């Protein structure tokens, strides 16, 4: 989906060329993934004269919050603290990253409803 969001519309060949170096996926694998995404109404197929083009049927902004929540619940039982603990214990955070986290937490505290 990320590639389609960044480079839409794309043909099967274009997607394979983009994805193969990072994922090792063959044309057949990319095609199967596209079929699954079409079945889930996440991708649309535009049939063309020379090549079919694939376009996202959903916006990244609409999907990201729900996917993040799903991941948090599946992996960390909904605990943001456990997620941050896992992230920060694996890598040393830069000063910039720590400042960004502080700003996020300050904003959350300001917007918190008690």
PDB file of N, CA and C in Angstrom:
ATOM      1  N   UNK A   1       0.835  -1.193   0.000  1.00  0.00           N
ATOM      2  CA  UNK A   1       0.000   0.000   0.000  1.00  0.00           C
ATOM      3  C   UNK A   1       0.875   1.250   0.000  1.00  0.00           C
ATOM      4  N   UNK A   2       1.949   1.199   0.758  1.00  0.00           N
ATOM      5  CA  UNK A   2       2.814   2.372   0.847  1.00  0.00           C
ATOM      6  C   UNK A   2       3.315   2.790  -0.537  1.00  0.00           C
ATOM      7  N   UNK A   3       3.716   1.822  -1.343  1.00  0.00           N
ATOM      8  CA  UNK A   3       4.204   2.134  -2.681  1.00  0.00           C
ATOM      9  C   UNK A   3       3.079   2.723  -3.529  1.00  0.00           C
ATOM     10  N   UNK A   4       1.888   2.154  -3.436  1.00  0.00           N
ATOM     11  CA  UNK A   4       0.766   2.693  -4.204  1.00  0.00           C
ATOM     12  C   UNK A   4       0.401   4.101  -3.746  1.00  0.00           C
ATOM     13  N   UNK A   5       0.454   4.349  -2.450  1.00  0.00           N
ATOM     14  CA  UNK A   5       0.168   5.691  -1.959  1.00  0.00           C
ATOM     15  C   UNK A   5       1.186   6.700  -2.498  1.00  0.00           C
ATOM     16  N   UNK A   6       2.429   6.259  -2.640  1.00  0.00           N
ATOM     17  CA  UNK A   6       3.484   7.153  -3.105  1.00  0.00           C
ATOM     18  C   UNK A   6       3.539   7.267  -4.626  1.00  0.00           C
ATOM     19  N   UNK A   7       3.157   6.185  -5.330  1.00  0.00           N
ATOM     20  CA  UNK A   7       3.312   6.145  -6.795  1.00  0.00           C
ATOM     21  C   UNK A   7       2.052   5.586  -7.446  1.00  0.00           C
ATOM     22  N   UNK A   8       1.040   6.379  -7.485  1.00  0.00           N
ATOM     23  CA  UNK A   8      -0.210   5.907  -8.051  1.00  0.00           C
ATOM     24  C   UNK A   8      -0.582   6.760  -9.248  1.00  0.00           C
ATOM     25  N   UNK A   9      -1.094   6.170 -10.299  1.00  0.00           N
ATOM     26  CA  UNK A   9      -1.328   4.746 -10.511  1.00  0.00           C
ATOM     27  C   UNK A   9      -0.029   4.029 -10.871  1.00  0.00           C
ATOM     28  N   UNK A  10      -0.017   2.708 -10.654  1.00  0.00           N
ATOM     29  CA  UNK A  10       1.145   1.882 -10.989  1.00  0.00           C
ATOM     30  C   UNK A  10       0.690   0.598 -11.658  1.00  0.00           C
ATOM     31  N   UNK A  11       1.515   0.112 -12.560  1.00  0.00           N
ATOM     32  CA  UNK A  11       1.253  -1.175 -13.200  1.00  0.00           C
ATOM     33  C   UNK A  11       1.877  -2.283 -12.360  1.00  0.00           C
ATOM     34  N   UNK A  12       1.525  -3.522 -12.670  1.00  0.00           N
ATOM     35  CA  UNK A  12       2.114  -4.662 -11.971  1.00  0.00           C
ATOM     36  C   UNK A  12       3.629  -4.665 -12.132  1.00  0.00           C
ATOM     37  N   UNK A  13       4.097  -4.373 -13.335  1.00  0.00           N
ATOM     38  CA  UNK A  13       5.538  -4.330 -13.579  1.00  0.00           C
ATOM     39  C   UNK A  13       6.240  -3.258 -12.762  1.00  0.00           C
ATOM     40  N   UNK A  14       5.635  -2.079 -12.689  1.00  0.00           N
ATOM     41  CA  UNK A  14       6.230  -0.990 -11.911  1.00  0.00           C
ATOM     42  C   UNK A  14       6.283  -1.336 -10.427  1.00  0.00           C
ATOM     43  N   UNK A  15       5.197  -1.926  -9.933  1.00  0.00           N
ATOM     44  CA  UNK A  15       5.164  -2.305  -8.516  1.00  0.00           C
ATOM     45  C   UNK A  15       6.203  -3.378  -8.217  1.00  0.00           C
ATOM     46  N   UNK A  16       6.315  -4.360  -9.105  1.00  0.00           N
ATOM     47  CA  UNK A  16       7.296  -5.432  -8.905  1.00  0.00           C
ATOM     48  C   UNK A  16       8.706  -4.867  -8.895  1.00  0.00           C
ATOM     49  N   UNK A  17       8.997  -3.982  -9.843  1.00  0.00           N
ATOM     50  CA  UNK A  17      10.332  -3.373  -9.929  1.00  0.00           C
ATOM     51  C   UNK A  17      10.663  -2.589  -8.665  1.00  0.00           C
ATOM     52  N   UNK A  18       9.669  -1.915  -8.098  1.00  0.00           N
ATOM     53  CA  UNK A  18       9.879  -1.122  -6.893  1.00  0.00           C
ATOM     54  C   UNK A  18      10.029  -2.009  -5.659  1.00  0.00           C
ATOM     55  N   UNK A  19       9.194  -3.037  -5.555  1.00  0.00           N
ATOM     56  CA  UNK A  19       9.156  -3.859  -4.345  1.00  0.00           C
ATOM     57  C   UNK A  19      10.236  -4.940  -4.293  1.00  0.00           C
ATOM     58  N   UNK A  20      10.660  -5.461  -5.428  1.00  0.00           N
ATOM     59  CA  UNK A  20      11.569  -6.607  -5.461  1.00  0.00           C
ATOM     60  C   UNK A  20      12.885  -6.391  -4.713  1.00  0.00           C
ATOM     61  N   UNK A  21      13.559  -5.253  -4.885  1.00  0.00           N
ATOM     62  CA  UNK A  21      14.838  -5.106  -4.170  1.00  0.00           C
ATOM     63  C   UNK A  21      14.698  -5.158  -2.648  1.00  0.00           C
ATOM     64  N   UNK A  22      13.619  -4.616  -2.121  1.00  0.00           N
ATOM     65  CA  UNK A  22      13.444  -4.566  -0.664  1.00  0.00           C
ATOM     66  C   UNK A  22      12.824  -5.852  -0.112  1.00  0.00           C
ATOM     67  N   UNK A  23      11.881  -6.434  -0.875  1.00  0.00           N
ATOM     68  CA  UNK A  23      11.120  -7.572  -0.348  1.00  0.00           C
ATOM     69  C   UNK A  23      11.513  -8.909  -0.949  1.00  0.00           C
ATOM     70  N   UNK A  24      12.092  -8.891  -2.142  1.00  0.00           N
ATOM     71  CA  UNK A  24      12.400 -10.126  -2.847  1.00  0.00           C
ATOM     72  C   UNK A  24      11.180 -10.727  -3.534  1.00  0.00           C
ATOM     73  N   UNK A  25      10.064  -9.988  -3.535  1.00  0.00           N
ATOM     74  CA  UNK A  25       8.826 -10.495  -4.121  1.00  0.00           C
ATOM     75  C   UNK A  25       8.933 -10.578  -5.634  1.00  0.00           C
ATOM     76  N   UNK A  26       8.434 -11.674  -6.173  1.00  0.00           N
ATOM     77  CA  UNK A  26       8.366 -11.850  -7.620  1.00  0.00           C
ATOM     78  C   UNK A  26       7.089 -11.201  -8.146  1.00  0.00           C
ATOM     79  N   UNK A  27       6.966 -11.169  -9.451  1.00  0.00           N
ATOM     80  CA  UNK A  27       5.767 -10.631 -10.100  1.00  0.00           C
ATOM     81  C   UNK A  27       4.522 -11.386  -9.624  1.00  0.00           C
ATOM     82  N   UNK A  28       4.645 -12.704  -9.500  1.00  0.00           N
ATOM     83  CA  UNK A  28       3.501 -13.521  -9.062  1.00  0.00           C
ATOM     84  C   UNK A  28       3.078 -13.165  -7.633  1.00  0.00           C
ATOM     85  N   UNK A  29       4.037 -12.944  -6.768  1.00  0.00           N
ATOM     86  CA  UNK A  29       3.734 -12.596  -5.379  1.00  0.00           C
ATOM     87  C   UNK A  29       3.042 -11.233  -5.304  1.00  0.00           C
ATOM     88  N   UNK A  30       3.549 -10.262  -6.053  1.00  0.00           N
ATOM     89  CA  UNK A  30       2.940  -8.934  -6.067  1.00  0.00           C
ATOM     90  C   UNK A  30       1.512  -9.032  -6.611  1.00  0.00           C
ATOM     91  N   UNK A  31       1.310  -9.850  -7.644  1.00  0.00           N
ATOM     92  CA  UNK A  31      -0.018 -10.019  -8.208  1.00  0.00           C
ATOM     93  C   UNK A  31      -0.989 -10.606  -7.186  1.00  0.00           C
ATOM     94  N   UNK A  32      -0.545 -11.610  -6.438  1.00  0.00           N
ATOM     95  CA  UNK A  32      -1.393 -12.214  -5.397  1.00  0.00           C
ATOM     96  C   UNK A  32      -1.740 -11.187  -4.329  1.00  0.00           C
ATOM     97  N   UNK A  33      -0.755 -10.391  -3.912  1.00  0.00           N
ATOM     98  CA  UNK A  33      -1.018  -9.355  -2.913  1.00  0.00           C
ATOM     99  C   UNK A  33      -2.033  -8.339  -3.436  1.00  0.00           C
ATOM    100  N   UNK A  34      -1.899  -7.956  -4.690  1.00  0.00           N
ATOM    101  CA  UNK A  34      -2.845  -7.006  -5.279  1.00  0.00           C
ATOM    102  C   UNK A  34      -4.256  -7.595  -5.329  1.00  0.00           C
ATOM    103  N   UNK A  35      -4.351  -8.872  -5.678  1.00  0.00           N
ATOM    104  CA  UNK A  35      -5.670  -9.519  -5.703  1.00  0.00           C
ATOM    105  C   UNK A  35      -6.308  -9.501  -4.316  1.00  0.00           C
ATOM    106  N   UNK A  36      -5.513  -9.747  -3.289  1.00  0.00           N
ATOM    107  CA  UNK A  36      -6.035  -9.728  -1.918  1.00  0.00           C
ATOM    108  C   UNK A  36      -6.474  -8.324  -1.520  1.00  0.00           C
ATOM    109  N   UNK A  37      -5.689  -7.335  -1.892  1.00  0.00           N
ATOM    110  CA  UNK A  37      -6.035  -5.944  -1.565  1.00  0.00           C
ATOM    111  C   UNK A  37      -7.284  -5.494  -2.323  1.00  0.00           C
ATOM    112  N   UNK A  38      -7.445  -5.957  -3.539  1.00  0.00           N
ATOM    113  CA  UNK A  38      -8.655  -5.652  -4.303  1.00  0.00           C
ATOM    114  C   UNK A  38      -9.863  -6.288  -3.629  1.00  0.00           C
ATOM    115  N   UNK A  39      -9.719  -7.546  -3.181  1.00  0.00           N
ATOM    116  CA  UNK A  39     -10.815  -8.250  -2.509  1.00  0.00           C
ATOM    117  C   UNK A  39     -11.224  -7.539  -1.217  1.00  0.00           C
ATOM    118  N   UNK A  40     -10.272  -6.862  -0.584  1.00  0.00           N
ATOM    119  CA  UNK A  40     -10.557  -6.128   0.658  1.00  0.00           C
ATOM    120  C   UNK A  40     -10.984  -4.689   0.381  1.00  0.00           C
ATOM    121  N   UNK A  41     -11.157  -4.352  -0.887  1.00  0.00           N
ATOM    122  CA  UNK A  41     -11.536  -2.996  -1.308  1.00  0.00           C
ATOM    123  C   UNK A  41     -10.520  -1.936  -0.901  1.00  0.00           C
ATOM    124  N   UNK A  42      -9.259  -2.334  -0.800  1.00  0.00           N
ATOM    125  CA  UNK A  42      -8.202  -1.384  -0.472  1.00  0.00           C
ATOM    126  C   UNK A  42      -7.533  -0.846  -1.735  1.00  0.00           C
ATOM    127  N   UNK A  43      -7.652  -1.601  -2.830  1.00  0.00           N
ATOM    128  CA  UNK A  43      -7.038  -1.228  -4.105  1.00  0.00           C
ATOM    129  C   UNK A  43      -8.070  -1.397  -5.212  1.00  0.00           C
ATOM    130  N   UNK A  44      -7.990  -0.519  -6.212  1.00  0.00           N
ATOM    131  CA  UNK A  44      -8.842  -0.623  -7.394  1.00  0.00           C
ATOM    132  C   UNK A  44      -7.978  -0.928  -8.610  1.00  0.00           C
ATOM    133  N   UNK A  45      -8.536  -1.708  -9.501  1.00  0.00           N
ATOM    134  CA  UNK A  45      -7.873  -2.027 -10.758  1.00  0.00           C
ATOM    135  C   UNK A  45      -8.519  -1.204 -11.861  1.00  0.00           C
ATOM    136  N   UNK A  46      -7.707  -0.439 -12.569  1.00  0.00           N
ATOM    137  CA  UNK A  46      -8.164   0.293 -13.742  1.00  0.00           C
ATOM    138  C   UNK A  46      -7.625  -0.439 -14.963  1.00  0.00           C
ATOM    139  N   UNK A  47      -8.515  -1.081 -15.698  1.00  0.00           N
ATOM    140  CA  UNK A  47      -8.076  -1.847 -16.857  1.00  0.00           C
ATOM    141  C   UNK A  47      -7.731  -0.898 -17.991  1.00  0.00           C
ATOM    142  N   UNK A  48      -6.524  -1.034 -18.504  1.00  0.00           N
ATOM    143  CA  UNK A  48      -6.054  -0.168 -19.568  1.00  0.00           C
ATOM    144  C   UNK A  48      -5.886  -0.924 -20.874  1.00  0.00           C
ATOM    145  N   UNK A  49      -5.656  -0.192 -21.923  1.00  0.00           N
ATOM    146  CA  UNK A  49      -5.464  -0.799 -23.233  1.00  0.00           C
ATOM    147  C   UNK A  49      -4.146  -1.567 -23.280  1.00  0.00           C
ATOM    148  N   UNK A  50      -3.084  -0.959 -22.749  1.00  0.00           N
ATOM    149  CA  UNK A  50      -1.764  -1.589 -22.804  1.00  0.00           C
ATOM    150  C   UNK A  50      -1.394  -2.285 -21.502  1.00  0.00           C
ATOM    151  N   UNK A  51      -1.784  -1.724 -20.386  1.00  0.00           N
ATOM    152  CA  UNK A  51      -1.449  -2.318 -19.089  1.00  0.00           C
ATOM    153  C   UNK A  51      -2.505  -1.917 -18.067  1.00  0.00           C
ATOM    154  N   UNK A  52      -2.775  -2.828 -17.145  1.00  0.00           N
ATOM    155  CA  UNK A  52      -3.690  -2.513 -16.052  1.00  0.00           C
ATOM    156  C   UNK A  52      -2.950  -1.653 -15.038  1.00  0.00           C
ATOM    157  N   UNK A  53      -3.678  -0.716 -14.463  1.00  0.00           N
ATOM    158  CA  UNK A  53      -3.095   0.136 -13.435  1.00  0.00           C
ATOM    159  C   UNK A  53      -3.823  -0.087 -12.119  1.00  0.00           C
ATOM    160  N   UNK A  54      -3.055  -0.018 -11.057  1.00  0.00           N
ATOM    161  CA  UNK A  54      -3.591  -0.197  -9.716  1.00  0.00           C
ATOM    162  C   UNK A  54      -3.513   1.126  -8.973  1.00  0.00           C
ATOM    163  N   UNK A  55      -4.595   1.427  -8.270  1.00  0.00           N
ATOM    164  CA  UNK A  55      -4.658   2.675  -7.490  1.00  0.00           C
ATOM    165  C   UNK A  55      -5.230   2.360  -6.109  1.00  0.00           C
ATOM    166  N   UNK A  56      -4.806   3.107  -5.101  1.00  0.00           N
ATOM    167  CA  UNK A  56      -5.379   2.892  -3.775  1.00  0.00           C
ATOM    168  C   UNK A  56      -6.850   3.288  -3.759  1.00  0.00           C
ATOM    169  N   UNK A  57      -7.655   2.503  -3.084  1.00  0.00           N
ATOM    170  CA  UNK A  57      -9.075   2.823  -2.919  1.00  0.00           C
ATOM    171  C   UNK A  57      -9.332   3.428  -1.553  1.00  0.00           C
ATOM    172  N   UNK A  58      -8.297   3.478  -0.735  1.00  0.00           N
ATOM    173  CA  UNK A  58      -8.397   4.050   0.605  1.00  0.00           C
ATOM    174  C   UNK A  58      -7.240   5.023   0.810  1.00  0.00           C
ATOM    175  N   UNK A  59      -7.457   6.011   1.652  1.00  0.00           N
ATOM    176  CA  UNK A  59      -6.418   6.988   1.975  1.00  0.00           C
ATOM    177  C   UNK A  59      -5.598   6.513   3.161  1.00  0.00           C
ATOM    178  N   UNK A  60      -4.314   6.811   3.105  1.00  0.00           N
ATOM    179  CA  UNK A  60      -3.414   6.458   4.208  1.00  0.00           C
ATOM    180  C   UNK A  60      -3.906   7.068   5.522  1.00  0.00           C
ATOM    181  N   UNK A  61      -4.370   8.314   5.446  1.00  0.00           N
ATOM    182  CA  UNK A  61      -4.819   9.023   6.648  1.00  0.00           C
ATOM    183  C   UNK A  61      -6.032   8.343   7.289  1.00  0.00           C
ATOM    184  N   UNK A  62      -6.832   7.657   6.475  1.00  0.00           N
ATOM    185  CA  UNK A  62      -8.010   6.963   6.996  1.00  0.00           C
ATOM    186  C   UNK A  62      -7.644   5.631   7.632  1.00  0.00           C
ATOM    187  N   UNK A  63      -6.559   5.028   7.192  1.00  0.00           N
ATOM    188  CA  UNK A  63      -6.183   3.686   7.623  1.00  0.00           C
ATOM    189  C   UNK A  63      -5.218   3.696   8.810  1.00  0.00           C
ATOM    190  N   UNK A  64      -4.300   4.633   8.840  1.00  0.00           N
ATOM    191  CA  UNK A  64      -3.221   4.628   9.827  1.00  0.00           C
ATOM    192  C   UNK A  64      -3.703   4.567  11.277  1.00  0.00           C
ATOM    193  N   UNK A  65      -4.669   5.382  11.690  1.00  0.00           N
ATOM    194  CA  UNK A  65      -5.079   5.308  13.102  1.00  0.00           C
ATOM    195  C   UNK A  65      -5.644   3.941  13.495  1.00  0.00           C
ATOM    196  N   UNK A  66      -6.473   3.359  12.655  1.00  0.00           N
ATOM    197  CA  UNK A  66      -7.064   2.053  12.972  1.00  0.00           C
ATOM    198  C   UNK A  66      -6.002   0.958  12.981  1.00  0.00           C
ATOM    199  N   UNK A  67      -5.069   1.016  12.037  1.00  0.00           N
ATOM    200  CA  UNK A  67      -4.002   0.013  11.988  1.00  0.00           C
ATOM    201  C   UNK A  67      -3.073   0.135  13.192  1.00  0.00           C
ATOM    202  N   UNK A  68      -2.794   1.361  13.595  1.00  0.00           N
ATOM    203  CA  UNK A  68      -1.954   1.582  14.771  1.00  0.00           C
ATOM    204  C   UNK A  68      -2.628   1.023  16.015  1.00  0.00           C
ATOM    205  N   UNK A  69      -3.914   1.299  16.158  1.00  0.00           N
ATOM    206  CA  UNK A  69      -4.683   0.798  17.306  1.00  0.00           C
ATOM    207  C   UNK A  69      -4.725  -0.732  17.309  1.00  0.00           C
ATOM    208  N   UNK A  70      -4.928  -1.317  16.144  1.00  0.00           N
ATOM    209  CA  UNK A  70      -4.962  -2.775  16.020  1.00  0.00           C
ATOM    210  C   UNK A  70      -3.621  -3.385  16.417  1.00  0.00           C
ATOM    211  N   UNK A  71      -2.529  -2.802  15.926  1.00  0.00           N
ATOM    212  CA  UNK A  71      -1.193  -3.277  16.270  1.00  0.00           C
ATOM    213  C   UNK A  71      -0.944  -3.169  17.769  1.00  0.00           C
ATOM    214  N   UNK A  72      -1.282  -2.029  18.341  1.00  0.00           N
ATOM    215  CA  UNK A  72      -1.080  -1.804  19.766  1.00  0.00           C
ATOM    216  C   UNK A  72      -1.840  -2.844  20.593  1.00  0.00           C
ATOM    217  N   UNK A  73      -3.069  -3.135  20.208  1.00  0.00           N
ATOM    218  CA  UNK A  73      -3.871  -4.118  20.940  1.00  0.00           C
ATOM    219  C   UNK A  73      -3.342  -5.535  20.761  1.00  0.00           C
ATOM    220  N   UNK A  74      -2.949  -5.889  19.540  1.00  0.00           N
ATOM    221  CA  UNK A  74      -2.470  -7.254  19.271  1.00  0.00           C
ATOM    222  C   UNK A  74      -1.145  -7.537  19.957  1.00  0.00           C
ATOM    223  N   UNK A  75      -0.232  -6.604  19.869  1.00  0.00           N
ATOM    224  CA  UNK A  75       1.135  -6.859  20.318  1.00  0.00           C
ATOM    225  C   UNK A  75       1.386  -6.452  21.763  1.00  0.00           C
ATOM    226  N   UNK A  76       0.762  -5.373  22.205  1.00  0.00           N
ATOM    227  CA  UNK A  76       1.060  -4.825  23.532  1.00  0.00           C
ATOM    228  C   UNK A  76      -0.165  -4.734  24.434  1.00  0.00           C
ATOM    229  N   UNK A  77      -1.195  -5.495  24.131  1.00  0.00           N
ATOM    230  CA  UNK A  77      -2.433  -5.477  24.924  1.00  0.00           C
ATOM    231  C   UNK A  77      -2.956  -4.061  25.143  1.00  0.00           C
ATOM    232  N   UNK A  78      -2.744  -3.199  24.158  1.00  0.00           N
ATOM    233  CA  UNK A  78      -3.254  -1.841  24.238  1.00  0.00           C
ATOM    234  C   UNK A  78      -2.407  -0.892  25.070  1.00  0.00           C
ATOM    235  N   UNK A  79      -1.276  -1.348  25.564  1.00  0.00           N
ATOM    236  CA  UNK A  79      -0.444  -0.533  26.449  1.00  0.00           C
ATOM    237  C   UNK A  79       0.561   0.313  25.668  1.00  0.00           C
ATOM    238  N   UNK A  80       0.341   1.608  25.664  1.00  0.00           N
ATOM    239  CA  UNK A  80       1.281   2.521  25.013  1.00  0.00           C
ATOM    240  C   UNK A  80       2.618   2.513  25.759  1.00  0.00           C
ATOM    241  N   UNK A  81       2.548   2.388  27.070  1.00  0.00           N
ATOM    242  CA  UNK A  81       3.768   2.337  27.873  1.00  0.00           C
ATOM    243  C   UNK A  81       4.656   1.159  27.484  1.00  0.00           C
ATOM    244  N   UNK A  82       4.047  -0.019  27.282  1.00  0.00           N
ATOM    245  CA  UNK A  82       4.822  -1.194  26.876  1.00  0.00           C
ATOM    246  C   UNK A  82       5.432  -0.993  25.491  1.00  0.00           C
ATOM    247  N   UNK A  83       4.688  -0.357  24.600  1.00  0.00           N
ATOM    248  CA  UNK A  83       5.197  -0.085  23.258  1.00  0.00           C
ATOM    249  C   UNK A  83       6.420   0.817  23.331  1.00  0.00           C
ATOM    250  N   UNK A  84       6.313   1.931  24.054  1.00  0.00           N
ATOM    251  CA  UNK A  84       7.444   2.860  24.160  1.00  0.00           C
ATOM    252  C   UNK A  84       8.628   2.226  24.880  1.00  0.00           C
ATOM    253  N   UNK A  85       8.347   1.412  25.879  1.00  0.00           N
ATOM    254  CA  UNK A  85       9.421   0.722  26.579  1.00  0.00           C
ATOM    255  C   UNK A  85      10.174  -0.200  25.623  1.00  0.00           C
ATOM    256  N   UNK A  86       9.435  -0.934  24.802  1.00  0.00           N
ATOM    257  CA  UNK A  86      10.072  -1.833  23.837  1.00  0.00           C
ATOM    258  C   UNK A  86      10.892  -1.046  22.822  1.00  0.00           C
ATOM    259  N   UNK A  87      10.347   0.050  22.349  1.00  0.00           N
ATOM    260  CA  UNK A  87      11.058   0.856  21.353  1.00  0.00           C
ATOM    261  C   UNK A  87      12.324   1.489  21.917  1.00  0.00           C
ATOM    262  N   UNK A  88      12.224   2.023  23.117  1.00  0.00           N
ATOM    263  CA  UNK A  88      13.367   2.738  23.685  1.00  0.00           C
ATOM    264  C   UNK A  88      14.430   1.810  24.250  1.00  0.00           C
ATOM    265  N   UNK A  89      14.077   0.587  24.594  1.00  0.00           N
ATOM    266  CA  UNK A  89      15.073  -0.337  25.129  1.00  0.00           C
ATOM    267  C   UNK A  89      15.923  -0.958  24.022  1.00  0.00           C
ATOM    268  N   UNK A  90      15.469  -0.894  22.799  1.00  0.00           N
ATOM    269  CA  UNK A  90      16.187  -1.509  21.682  1.00  0.00           C
ATOM    270  C   UNK A  90      17.166  -0.558  21.020  1.00  0.00           C
ATOM    271  N   UNK A  91      16.963   0.738  21.203  1.00  0.00           N
ATOM    272  CA  UNK A  91      17.812   1.707  20.510  1.00  0.00           C
ATOM    273  C   UNK A  91      17.919   2.973  21.347  1.00  0.00           C
ATOM    274  N   UNK A  92      19.083   3.567  21.314  1.00  0.00           N
ATOM    275  CA  UNK A  92      19.269   4.828  22.018  1.00  0.00           C
ATOM    276  C   UNK A  92      18.593   5.941  21.217  1.00  0.00           C
ATOM    277  N   UNK A  93      17.753   6.703  21.899  1.00  0.00           N
ATOM    278  CA  UNK A  93      17.034   7.783  21.231  1.00  0.00           C
ATOM    279  C   UNK A  93      17.913   9.018  21.121  1.00  0.00           C
ATOM    280  N   UNK A  94      17.785   9.720  20.021  1.00  0.00           N
ATOM    281  CA  UNK A  94      18.518  10.972  19.841  1.00  0.00           C
ATOM    282  C   UNK A  94      17.819  12.058  20.651  1.00  0.00           C
ATOM    283  N   UNK A  95      18.497  13.158  20.845  1.00  0.00           N
ATOM    284  CA  UNK A  95      17.902  14.296  21.556  1.00  0.00           C
ATOM    285  C   UNK A  95      16.659  14.782  20.823  1.00  0.00           C
ATOM    286  N   UNK A  96      16.721  14.787  19.504  1.00  0.00           N
ATOM    287  CA  UNK A  96      15.574  15.227  18.699  1.00  0.00           C
ATOM    288  C   UNK A  96      14.372  14.309  18.928  1.00  0.00           C
ATOM    289  N   UNK A  97      14.599  13.000  18.941  1.00  0.00           N
ATOM    290  CA  UNK A  97      13.508  12.052  19.162  1.00  0.00           C
ATOM    291  C   UNK A  97      12.902  12.215  20.556  1.00  0.00           C
ATOM    292  N   UNK A  98      13.745  12.422  21.550  1.00  0.00           N
ATOM    293  CA  UNK A  98      13.260  12.623  22.920  1.00  0.00           C
ATOM    294  C   UNK A  98      12.433  13.900  22.995  1.00  0.00           C
ATOM    295  N   UNK A  99      12.897  14.960  22.336  1.00  0.00           N
ATOM    296  CA  UNK A  99      12.132  16.214  22.312  1.00  0.00           C
ATOM    297  C   UNK A  99      10.783  16.026  21.626  1.00  0.00           C
ATOM    298  N   UNK A 100      10.768  15.274  20.523  1.00  0.00           N
ATOM    299  CA  UNK A 100       9.502  15.009  19.819  1.00  0.00           C
ATOM    300  C   UNK A 100       8.532  14.250  20.719  1.00  0.00           C
ATOM    301  N   UNK A 101       9.045  13.256  21.441  1.00  0.00           N
ATOM    302  CA  UNK A 101       8.190  12.491  22.356  1.00  0.00           C
ATOM    303  C   UNK A 101       7.658  13.379  23.482  1.00  0.00           C
ATOM    304  N   UNK A 102       8.511  14.244  24.005  1.00  0.00           N
ATOM    305  CA  UNK A 102       8.063  15.176  25.052  1.00  0.00           C
ATOM    306  C   UNK A 102       6.940  16.074  24.545  1.00  0.00           C
ATOM    307  N   UNK A 103       7.099  16.586  23.333  1.00  0.00           N
ATOM    308  CA  UNK A 103       6.076  17.456  22.747  1.00  0.00           C
ATOM    309  C   UNK A 103       4.759  16.696  22.573  1.00  0.00           C
ATOM    310  N   UNK A 104       4.846  15.460  22.125  1.00  0.00           N
ATOM    311  CA  UNK A 104       3.641  14.643  21.955  1.00  0.00           C
ATOM    312  C   UNK A 104       2.956  14.423  23.295  1.00  0.00           C
ATOM    313  N   UNK A 105       3.744  14.088  24.311  1.00  0.00           N
ATOM    314  CA  UNK A 105       3.180  13.841  25.642  1.00  0.00           C
ATOM    315  C   UNK A 105       2.624  15.126  26.258  1.00  0.00           C
ATOM    316  N   UNK A 106       3.322  16.236  26.065  1.00  0.00           N
ATOM    317  CA  UNK A 106       2.820  17.528  26.581  1.00  0.00           C
ATOM    318  C   UNK A 106       1.494  17.870  25.938  1.00  0.00           C
ATOM    319  N   UNK A 107       1.381  17.653  24.639  1.00  0.00           N
ATOM    320  CA  UNK A 107       0.138  17.943  23.916  1.00  0.00           C
ATOM    321  C   UNK A 107      -0.976  17.006  24.391  1.00  0.00           C
ATOM    322  N   UNK A 108      -0.654  15.744  24.620  1.00  0.00           N
ATOM    323  CA  UNK A 108      -1.646  14.788  25.103  1.00  0.00           C
ATOM    324  C   UNK A 108      -2.140  15.170  26.493  1.00  0.00           C
ATOM    325  N   UNK A 109      -1.214  15.627  27.330  1.00  0.00           N
ATOM    326  CA  UNK A 109      -1.591  16.036  28.680  1.00  0.00           C
ATOM    327  C   UNK A 109      -2.488  17.276  28.634  1.00  0.00           C
ATOM    328  N   UNK A 110      -2.172  18.196  27.735  1.00  0.00           N
ATOM    329  CA  UNK A 110      -2.970  19.412  27.601  1.00  0.00           C
ATOM    330  C   UNK A 110      -4.400  19.081  27.124  1.00  0.00           C
ATOM    331  N   UNK A 111      -4.518  18.093  26.274  1.00  0.00           N
ATOM    332  CA  UNK A 111      -5.816  17.736  25.703  1.00  0.00           C
ATOM    333  C   UNK A 111      -6.563  16.669  26.486  1.00  0.00           C
ATOM    334  N   UNK A 112      -5.952  16.167  27.549  1.00  0.00           N
ATOM    335  CA  UNK A 112      -6.552  15.096  28.339  1.00  0.00           C
ATOM    336  C   UNK A 112      -7.826  15.556  29.037  1.00  0.00           C
ATOM    337  N   UNK A 113      -8.812  14.691  28.995  1.00  0.00           N
ATOM    338  CA  UNK A 113     -10.079  14.954  29.692  1.00  0.00           C
ATOM    339  C   UNK A 113     -10.072  14.124  30.961  1.00  0.00           C
ATOM    340  N   UNK A 114     -10.200  14.795  32.072  1.00  0.00           N
ATOM    341  CA  UNK A 114     -10.161  14.065  33.350  1.00  0.00           C
ATOM    342  C   UNK A 114     -11.525  13.683  33.797  1.00  0.00           C
TER     343      UNK A 114
END
